[in-house]
Amino acid sequence: MSATTDATETAATSAKAPDAHNAGRLPSLSRFRELSLVPAILVLGLIGFIVSPAFLTSDNLLGVAQQSTELSLLVLAEALILIVGRMDLSLESTIGVAPVIAVWLVLPSSGGRFTGLGLFPEWAAIPLCLLVGALIGAVNGFLILKLRLNGFIVTLGALTMLRGLQIAISEGQSIVNMPSSFSYLGHASWLGAPAAIWICAVLFAIGGSALAWLRHGRALYAIGGNPEAARTAGIRVDRITWAVLIIGGLLAAFAGILYSGHYGSISADQGSGWIFQVFAATVIGGVSLNGGRGTLFGALTGVLTLQLVVNVMTLAGVPPLWNQFLNGAIIILALIISRFASGEKQD
């Protein structure tokens, strides 16, 4: 066990060698890269307070946190996948198709346009939804790791295919009949805060602890930084990467449960366009698109930054039509700051 652990540490150190060199040039900035968005969040909080006293009310802050939960879980999934050196575009569709399939399997036909099969009891809705998400991740992993297909193309194709499946099963309409388990997780309150917030916080804590303290968690950085060195060190690169893709599918499916329960329906285009926000939040939070770098805390600050921008603009009365423009400007600015803060060389 200790020999394998030492090998993992050696591979991780080898993968991070370029970062160590850069850190020697800019130690005060690159060392705290994951905290780079904290000042931005504080500034947004100050602006929000100036714009409207309602910003610091518990209702508003809990509302922002609640609206961040589903996106946060997708960002958590994508961050893990990016750290291991892969990417998954199909998460955008998984958040919609997994709950649609689960509801289709457990709810009987109600006489409307949507026709359910009613093959399973209602309590099975959550397990079925998670199973669908895991299956999507497993199939993506098989195509990428076993058949050696291009991961970007595979997950792009999966995004399109799963979106079409979602529309076909839902017959192009919103499904308003939700299983009670979906509704509970979407509306329950624990200790004065929505249950979704607590669940999201626990999952981020578990993921962050795993990356920091567990051997397999640290192996993700080694694989993402230098997969060949990781293999030489005895790390089972394909097996761990496959597991991460499955976990990503699980998290996306669970995000679909929370979103569907929160809004009380599943729309035919649920999740459409989310992948842009997912990558934006992940990248501005310091997770490298090249693999091997980043933290879940940094990714979470990326989510909060984007959500606070929208909230402050709403309170300020800025037309929603400007949201996309301002989010794009924030992403570019954050990337510029991140480039100088990390000391990376221009390509």
Protein backbone atom coordinates (compact mmCIF):
# COMPACT_ATOMS: atom_id res chain seq x y z
CA MET A 1 0.00 0.00 0.00
CA SER A 2 2.76 2.46 0.96
CA ALA A 3 4.72 1.69 -2.21
CA THR A 4 1.67 2.41 -4.36
CA THR A 5 0.98 5.59 -2.42
CA ASP A 6 4.56 6.75 -2.91
CA ALA A 7 4.29 6.01 -6.63
CA THR A 8 1.12 8.07 -6.83
CA GLU A 9 2.79 10.97 -5.06
CA THR A 10 5.80 10.70 -7.39
CA ALA A 11 3.58 10.76 -10.48
CA ALA A 12 1.60 13.70 -9.14
CA THR A 13 4.80 15.60 -8.41
CA SER A 14 6.09 14.85 -11.90
CA ALA A 15 2.83 16.03 -13.44
CA LYS A 16 2.94 19.29 -11.50
CA ALA A 17 6.60 20.02 -12.23
CA PRO A 18 5.83 22.84 -14.71
CA ASP A 19 3.56 24.46 -12.12
CA ALA A 20 6.34 24.29 -9.57
CA HIS A 21 8.65 26.11 -11.97
CA ASN A 22 6.04 28.81 -12.55
CA ALA A 23 5.35 29.03 -8.86
CA GLY A 24 9.01 29.84 -8.33
CA ARG A 25 8.52 32.89 -10.51
CA LEU A 26 5.21 34.05 -9.10
CA PRO A 27 4.79 32.30 -5.74
CA SER A 28 2.54 34.84 -4.13
CA LEU A 29 -0.05 34.62 -6.91
CA SER A 30 -0.05 31.08 -8.24
CA ARG A 31 -0.09 29.55 -4.77
CA PHE A 32 -3.48 31.09 -4.09
CA ARG A 33 -4.99 30.66 -7.54
CA GLU A 34 -8.03 28.85 -6.15
CA LEU A 35 -8.80 31.94 -4.03
CA SER A 36 -8.53 34.37 -6.94
CA LEU A 37 -12.31 34.81 -7.22
CA VAL A 38 -12.91 35.43 -3.53
CA PRO A 39 -12.13 39.18 -3.86
CA ALA A 40 -14.49 39.32 -6.86
CA ILE A 41 -17.25 37.71 -4.80
CA LEU A 42 -16.70 40.24 -2.00
CA VAL A 43 -16.79 43.13 -4.48
CA LEU A 44 -20.01 41.76 -5.98
CA GLY A 45 -21.45 41.55 -2.47
CA LEU A 46 -20.56 45.18 -1.83
CA ILE A 47 -22.04 46.27 -5.16
CA GLY A 48 -25.17 44.25 -4.45
CA PHE A 49 -25.60 45.92 -1.07
CA ILE A 50 -25.16 49.37 -2.63
CA VAL A 51 -27.62 48.57 -5.41
CA SER A 52 -30.29 47.16 -3.14
CA PRO A 53 -30.53 46.60 0.63
CA ALA A 54 -32.46 43.43 -0.22
CA PHE A 55 -29.24 41.82 -1.44
CA LEU A 56 -28.02 40.83 2.04
CA THR A 57 -31.37 39.50 3.21
CA SER A 58 -31.50 35.81 4.05
CA ASP A 59 -34.24 35.21 1.48
CA ASN A 60 -32.12 36.63 -1.33
CA LEU A 61 -28.90 34.88 -0.35
CA LEU A 62 -30.64 31.54 0.15
CA GLY A 63 -32.34 32.06 -3.20
CA VAL A 64 -28.98 32.59 -4.90
CA ALA A 65 -27.59 29.49 -3.21
CA GLN A 66 -30.66 27.44 -4.15
CA GLN A 67 -30.42 28.51 -7.78
CA SER A 68 -26.72 27.59 -7.78
CA THR A 69 -27.13 24.02 -6.56
CA GLU A 70 -27.97 22.26 -9.82
CA LEU A 71 -25.30 24.15 -11.77
CA SER A 72 -22.85 23.47 -8.94
CA LEU A 73 -23.32 19.72 -9.23
CA LEU A 74 -22.66 19.86 -12.98
CA VAL A 75 -19.57 21.97 -12.28
CA LEU A 76 -18.44 19.46 -9.64
CA ALA A 77 -18.79 16.68 -12.21
CA GLU A 78 -17.01 18.60 -14.97
CA ALA A 79 -14.22 19.73 -12.63
CA LEU A 80 -13.40 16.13 -11.68
CA ILE A 81 -13.45 15.09 -15.34
CA LEU A 82 -11.24 18.01 -16.41
CA ILE A 83 -8.75 17.37 -13.60
CA VAL A 84 -8.32 13.80 -14.86
CA GLY A 85 -7.62 15.19 -18.32
CA ARG A 86 -10.96 14.57 -20.06
CA MET A 87 -14.11 16.56 -20.77
CA ASP A 88 -17.79 15.63 -20.97
CA LEU A 89 -20.22 17.75 -22.96
CA SER A 90 -23.09 15.29 -22.46
CA LEU A 91 -23.64 16.43 -18.85
CA GLU A 92 -25.92 19.11 -20.30
CA SER A 93 -28.27 16.45 -21.66
CA THR A 94 -27.92 14.04 -18.75
CA ILE A 95 -29.51 16.55 -16.37
CA GLY A 96 -32.65 16.39 -18.52
CA VAL A 97 -32.81 12.89 -20.00
CA ALA A 98 -32.10 10.98 -16.76
CA PRO A 99 -35.15 12.31 -14.85
CA VAL A 100 -37.31 12.02 -17.99
CA ILE A 101 -36.48 8.33 -18.35
CA ALA A 102 -36.99 7.72 -14.62
CA VAL A 103 -40.41 9.40 -14.64
CA TRP A 104 -41.33 7.58 -17.86
CA LEU A 105 -40.56 4.24 -16.21
CA VAL A 106 -42.38 4.82 -12.90
CA LEU A 107 -45.43 6.93 -13.71
CA PRO A 108 -48.43 5.36 -15.47
CA SER A 109 -50.14 7.02 -18.40
CA SER A 110 -52.37 9.87 -17.20
CA GLY A 111 -54.48 10.17 -20.33
CA GLY A 112 -52.59 13.23 -21.53
CA ARG A 113 -50.02 13.50 -24.30
CA PHE A 114 -47.23 12.10 -22.13
CA THR A 115 -47.46 8.32 -21.89
CA GLY A 116 -45.65 6.69 -18.97
CA LEU A 117 -44.94 2.98 -18.75
CA GLY A 118 -45.46 2.51 -15.00
CA LEU A 119 -43.08 -0.46 -14.91
CA PHE A 120 -41.58 0.33 -11.51
CA PRO A 121 -42.93 1.61 -8.17
CA GLU A 122 -42.69 5.33 -7.56
CA TRP A 123 -40.03 4.95 -4.86
CA ALA A 124 -37.65 3.64 -7.54
CA ALA A 125 -37.59 6.98 -9.38
CA ILE A 126 -34.38 8.29 -7.78
CA PRO A 127 -32.41 5.01 -8.09
CA LEU A 128 -33.49 4.70 -11.72
CA CYS A 129 -32.50 8.29 -12.47
CA LEU A 130 -29.06 7.77 -10.94
CA LEU A 131 -28.69 4.48 -12.79
CA VAL A 132 -29.38 6.22 -16.10
CA GLY A 133 -26.74 8.84 -15.31
CA ALA A 134 -24.18 6.19 -14.37
CA LEU A 135 -24.97 4.23 -17.53
CA ILE A 136 -24.41 7.31 -19.70
CA GLY A 137 -21.03 7.89 -18.06
CA ALA A 138 -20.13 4.21 -18.44
CA VAL A 139 -20.98 4.16 -22.16
CA ASN A 140 -18.99 7.35 -22.74
CA GLY A 141 -16.07 5.78 -20.90
CA PHE A 142 -16.26 2.62 -22.99
CA LEU A 143 -16.24 4.56 -26.25
CA ILE A 144 -13.40 6.84 -25.14
CA LEU A 145 -11.17 4.44 -23.23
CA LYS A 146 -11.79 1.09 -24.88
CA LEU A 147 -12.53 2.05 -28.47
CA ARG A 148 -10.11 5.02 -28.23
CA LEU A 149 -12.53 7.48 -29.84
CA ASN A 150 -12.08 11.23 -29.48
CA GLY A 151 -13.68 12.25 -26.18
CA PHE A 152 -14.88 15.63 -27.42
CA ILE A 153 -16.67 14.10 -30.41
CA VAL A 154 -18.08 11.22 -28.37
CA THR A 155 -19.62 13.44 -25.72
CA LEU A 156 -20.80 15.97 -28.30
CA GLY A 157 -22.58 13.16 -30.12
CA ALA A 158 -23.99 11.90 -26.82
CA LEU A 159 -25.24 15.41 -26.01
CA THR A 160 -27.16 15.56 -29.29
CA MET A 161 -28.46 12.00 -29.12
CA LEU A 162 -29.61 12.25 -25.51
CA ARG A 163 -31.30 15.59 -26.16
CA GLY A 164 -33.24 13.97 -28.98
CA LEU A 165 -34.17 11.04 -26.72
CA GLN A 166 -35.38 13.45 -24.05
CA ILE A 167 -37.62 15.28 -26.52
CA ALA A 168 -38.93 12.03 -27.99
CA ILE A 169 -39.85 10.46 -24.63
CA SER A 170 -41.40 13.66 -23.26
CA GLU A 171 -43.15 14.16 -26.62
CA GLY A 172 -41.86 17.71 -26.72
CA GLN A 173 -43.82 18.89 -23.69
CA SER A 174 -43.16 19.57 -20.03
CA ILE A 175 -43.85 16.72 -17.62
CA VAL A 176 -45.63 18.11 -14.59
CA ASN A 177 -46.34 14.90 -12.68
CA MET A 178 -43.36 14.47 -10.38
CA PRO A 179 -42.58 11.51 -8.11
CA SER A 180 -42.90 12.46 -4.45
CA SER A 181 -39.19 11.79 -3.86
CA PHE A 182 -38.26 14.37 -6.52
CA SER A 183 -40.63 16.92 -5.00
CA TYR A 184 -39.31 16.33 -1.50
CA LEU A 185 -35.66 16.95 -2.40
CA GLY A 186 -36.62 20.00 -4.44
CA HIS A 187 -38.70 21.65 -1.70
CA ALA A 188 -37.51 20.27 1.65
CA SER A 189 -35.81 22.56 4.16
CA TRP A 190 -33.22 21.33 6.64
CA LEU A 191 -32.09 23.55 9.53
CA GLY A 192 -33.60 26.63 7.91
CA ALA A 193 -32.01 26.16 4.47
CA PRO A 194 -33.14 24.25 1.38
CA ALA A 195 -32.07 20.61 1.44
CA ALA A 196 -30.42 21.01 -1.96
CA ILE A 197 -27.91 23.47 -0.49
CA TRP A 198 -26.88 21.04 2.25
CA ILE A 199 -26.62 18.17 -0.21
CA CYS A 200 -24.49 20.24 -2.57
CA ALA A 201 -22.20 21.38 0.26
CA VAL A 202 -21.71 17.80 1.48
CA LEU A 203 -20.90 16.51 -2.01
CA PHE A 204 -18.34 19.27 -2.58
CA ALA A 205 -16.79 18.56 0.83
CA ILE A 206 -16.56 14.86 0.05
CA GLY A 207 -15.06 15.51 -3.38
CA GLY A 208 -12.57 18.07 -2.08
CA SER A 209 -11.49 15.78 0.76
CA ALA A 210 -11.05 12.88 -1.65
CA LEU A 211 -8.84 14.95 -3.95
CA ALA A 212 -6.77 16.20 -1.04
CA TRP A 213 -6.41 13.13 1.14
CA LEU A 214 -7.27 9.90 -0.67
CA ARG A 215 -4.72 8.09 -2.83
CA HIS A 216 -7.19 7.61 -5.70
CA GLY A 217 -8.21 11.25 -5.43
CA ARG A 218 -4.61 12.47 -5.71
CA ALA A 219 -4.17 10.07 -8.62
CA LEU A 220 -6.59 12.22 -10.65
CA TYR A 221 -4.01 15.02 -10.72
CA ALA A 222 -1.28 12.61 -11.75
CA ILE A 223 -3.41 11.18 -14.58
CA GLY A 224 -4.48 14.61 -15.82
CA GLY A 225 -0.96 16.02 -15.65
CA ASN A 226 0.91 13.13 -17.25
CA PRO A 227 -1.00 9.89 -17.91
CA GLU A 228 2.09 7.99 -19.10
CA ALA A 229 3.99 8.84 -15.94
CA ALA A 230 0.93 7.80 -13.94
CA ARG A 231 0.87 4.42 -15.70
CA THR A 232 4.57 3.97 -15.04
CA ALA A 233 3.90 4.66 -11.38
CA GLY A 234 1.38 1.83 -11.29
CA ILE A 235 -1.79 3.92 -11.38
CA ARG A 236 -4.68 2.25 -13.23
CA VAL A 237 -5.31 5.21 -15.49
CA ASP A 238 -8.20 3.85 -17.57
CA ARG A 239 -10.04 2.35 -14.61
CA ILE A 240 -9.87 5.56 -12.56
CA THR A 241 -10.80 7.74 -15.55
CA TRP A 242 -13.76 5.49 -16.31
CA ALA A 243 -14.91 5.73 -12.69
CA VAL A 244 -14.70 9.54 -12.84
CA LEU A 245 -16.86 9.60 -15.99
CA ILE A 246 -19.45 7.41 -14.25
CA ILE A 247 -19.40 9.66 -11.18
CA GLY A 248 -19.89 12.65 -13.49
CA GLY A 249 -22.99 11.04 -14.97
CA LEU A 250 -24.32 10.28 -11.49
CA LEU A 251 -23.85 13.87 -10.36
CA ALA A 252 -25.55 15.23 -13.50
CA ALA A 253 -28.50 12.89 -12.98
CA PHE A 254 -28.78 13.97 -9.35
CA ALA A 255 -28.71 17.60 -10.45
CA GLY A 256 -31.65 16.72 -12.70
CA ILE A 257 -33.54 15.34 -9.69
CA LEU A 258 -32.99 18.52 -7.67
CA TYR A 259 -33.88 20.80 -10.59
CA SER A 260 -37.03 18.88 -11.52
CA GLY A 261 -38.19 18.72 -7.92
CA HIS A 262 -37.47 22.40 -7.33
CA TYR A 263 -39.48 23.62 -10.31
CA GLY A 264 -42.08 20.85 -10.21
CA SER A 265 -41.71 19.81 -13.82
CA ILE A 266 -39.30 18.51 -16.44
CA SER A 267 -39.21 20.61 -19.59
CA ALA A 268 -38.45 19.08 -22.97
CA ASP A 269 -35.28 21.21 -23.22
CA GLN A 270 -34.16 20.97 -19.59
CA GLY A 271 -30.43 21.64 -19.40
CA SER A 272 -30.17 23.15 -22.87
CA GLY A 273 -27.23 25.57 -23.06
CA TRP A 274 -25.98 24.78 -19.56
CA ILE A 275 -22.66 23.38 -20.72
CA PHE A 276 -21.41 26.89 -21.52
CA GLN A 277 -22.07 28.03 -17.95
CA VAL A 278 -20.52 24.82 -16.63
CA PHE A 279 -17.26 25.35 -18.48
CA ALA A 280 -17.28 29.06 -17.70
CA ALA A 281 -17.64 28.51 -13.95
CA THR A 282 -15.11 25.67 -13.93
CA VAL A 283 -12.43 27.47 -15.90
CA ILE A 284 -12.70 30.85 -14.16
CA GLY A 285 -12.53 28.90 -10.91
CA GLY A 286 -9.01 27.79 -11.82
CA VAL A 287 -9.54 24.29 -13.22
CA SER A 288 -7.29 23.76 -16.23
CA LEU A 289 -8.72 22.56 -19.52
CA ASN A 290 -5.44 20.69 -20.03
CA GLY A 291 -5.94 18.53 -16.94
CA GLY A 292 -4.00 18.02 -13.73
CA ARG A 293 -4.78 21.37 -12.06
CA GLY A 294 -7.59 22.95 -10.11
CA THR A 295 -9.64 22.53 -6.96
CA LEU A 296 -13.30 22.01 -6.26
CA PHE A 297 -13.33 25.07 -4.01
CA GLY A 298 -12.13 27.19 -6.92
CA ALA A 299 -14.80 25.67 -9.17
CA LEU A 300 -17.45 26.47 -6.57
CA THR A 301 -16.34 30.10 -6.41
CA GLY A 302 -16.75 30.21 -10.19
CA VAL A 303 -20.39 29.16 -9.83
CA LEU A 304 -21.05 31.70 -7.10
CA THR A 305 -19.43 34.47 -9.14
CA LEU A 306 -21.67 33.85 -12.16
CA GLN A 307 -24.81 33.55 -10.02
CA LEU A 308 -24.03 36.70 -8.04
CA VAL A 309 -23.51 38.67 -11.24
CA VAL A 310 -26.98 37.67 -12.43
CA ASN A 311 -28.50 38.45 -9.02
CA VAL A 312 -26.87 41.89 -8.75
CA MET A 313 -27.93 42.80 -12.29
CA THR A 314 -31.49 41.71 -11.53
CA LEU A 315 -31.62 43.83 -8.39
CA ALA A 316 -30.13 46.75 -10.32
CA GLY A 317 -32.86 46.49 -12.93
CA VAL A 318 -30.49 45.59 -15.77
CA PRO A 319 -32.46 43.95 -18.62
CA PRO A 320 -31.90 40.18 -18.72
CA LEU A 321 -30.85 40.54 -22.37
CA TRP A 322 -27.47 41.80 -21.09
CA ASN A 323 -26.82 38.73 -18.92
CA GLN A 324 -25.09 36.70 -21.60
CA PHE A 325 -22.87 39.60 -22.68
CA LEU A 326 -21.75 40.40 -19.14
CA ASN A 327 -21.14 36.74 -18.28
CA GLY A 328 -18.94 36.42 -21.35
CA ALA A 329 -17.02 39.56 -20.41
CA ILE A 330 -16.47 38.20 -16.89
CA ILE A 331 -15.18 34.90 -18.28
CA ILE A 332 -12.64 36.63 -20.54
CA LEU A 333 -11.50 38.98 -17.77
CA ALA A 334 -11.15 36.11 -15.31
CA LEU A 335 -9.12 34.10 -17.81
CA ILE A 336 -6.77 37.04 -18.36
CA ILE A 337 -6.28 37.43 -14.61
CA SER A 338 -5.82 33.68 -14.22
CA ARG A 339 -3.19 33.60 -16.98
CA PHE A 340 -1.04 36.24 -15.27
CA ALA A 341 -1.70 34.89 -11.77
CA SER A 342 -0.56 31.38 -12.70
CA GLY A 343 2.51 32.57 -14.55
CA GLU A 344 1.70 30.39 -17.55
CA LYS A 345 3.54 31.03 -20.77
CA GLN A 346 1.66 32.10 -23.83
CA ASP A 347 1.34 29.39 -26.46
